[in-house]
Protein backbone atom coordinates (compact mmCIF):
# COMPACT_ATOMS: atom_id res chain seq x y z
CA MET A 1 9.26 2.22 10.14
CA ASN A 2 5.92 2.72 10.79
CA VAL A 3 2.99 3.26 8.14
CA LEU A 4 -0.43 3.06 8.31
CA ILE A 5 -2.12 0.04 5.86
CA ASN A 6 -5.53 0.46 5.48
CA GLN A 7 -5.77 2.90 8.79
CA THR A 8 -4.15 0.31 10.60
CA PRO A 9 -0.59 0.72 12.12
CA VAL A 10 2.19 -1.47 10.67
CA GLU A 11 5.77 -2.00 11.28
CA LEU A 12 7.55 -2.81 8.02
CA PRO A 13 11.98 -3.06 7.51
CA GLU A 14 13.64 -0.02 6.71
CA GLY A 15 13.77 0.60 2.64
CA ALA A 16 10.67 -1.24 2.49
CA SER A 17 8.44 -0.32 -0.74
CA VAL A 18 4.48 -0.74 -2.04
CA ALA A 19 5.48 -4.30 -3.06
CA ASP A 20 6.09 -5.26 0.40
CA ALA A 21 2.74 -3.58 1.90
CA VAL A 22 0.98 -5.10 -0.51
CA ALA A 23 2.67 -8.58 0.24
CA HIS A 24 1.89 -7.88 4.04
CA LEU A 25 -1.79 -7.62 3.27
CA ALA A 26 -2.10 -10.16 0.35
CA PRO A 27 -5.38 -8.51 -1.04
CA GLN A 28 -7.01 -10.66 -3.69
CA PRO A 29 -6.52 -8.62 -7.04
CA PRO A 30 -8.49 -6.53 -8.57
CA PHE A 31 -7.21 -3.57 -6.08
CA ALA A 32 -5.48 -0.24 -5.92
CA VAL A 33 -2.67 0.95 -3.96
CA ALA A 34 -2.30 4.66 -3.09
CA VAL A 35 0.66 6.40 -0.81
CA ASN A 36 -0.33 9.35 1.15
CA LEU A 37 -3.86 9.78 -1.14
CA GLN A 38 -1.31 9.09 -4.56
CA PHE A 39 -1.93 6.36 -6.92
CA ILE A 40 0.35 4.39 -7.56
CA PRO A 41 0.48 2.05 -10.47
CA ASN A 42 1.71 -1.72 -10.12
CA SER A 43 4.30 -1.09 -12.41
CA ARG A 44 5.87 1.11 -9.62
CA TYR A 45 5.30 -1.10 -6.64
CA ALA A 46 8.86 -2.37 -6.32
CA ALA A 47 10.15 0.47 -7.55
CA GLN A 48 8.31 3.31 -4.98
CA PRO A 49 9.91 3.54 -1.48
CA LEU A 50 8.14 3.95 1.86
CA ALA A 51 8.63 6.25 4.68
CA ASP A 52 8.11 6.72 8.05
CA GLY A 53 4.63 7.87 8.91
CA ASP A 54 3.52 7.24 5.30
CA GLN A 55 -0.45 6.18 4.81
CA VAL A 56 -1.04 3.27 2.34
CA GLU A 57 -4.67 2.46 1.14
CA ILE A 58 -5.15 -0.59 -0.61
CA ILE A 59 -8.42 -0.81 -1.86
CA ALA A 60 -10.77 -2.84 -4.05
CA PRO A 61 -13.14 -2.01 -6.36
CA VAL A 62 -17.32 -1.87 -5.62
CA THR A 63 -19.95 -3.22 -7.45
CA GLY A 64 -23.68 -2.41 -7.17
CA GLY A 65 -25.89 0.60 -8.54
C-alpha cells in the first residue's frame, strides 16, 4: 500500500500499522504521530492500521522562543 510519511510517498506492506510507519522513518524521540490529522498515542501505534493513501505525520517538538 502507498502512504505519505511526512509528505513523502512510501510503500508499506498490506496490513501495515502506525508502528510500521514509525519503524520506516526511525525518528529519534521525542516525537508525535498523526494519521490524517488525528493524533495517535504511542500506546496505539501497533494496533492502529493504515490504509492506502493515508497521510502520516511524524513530528518532533521544536524549542525556542
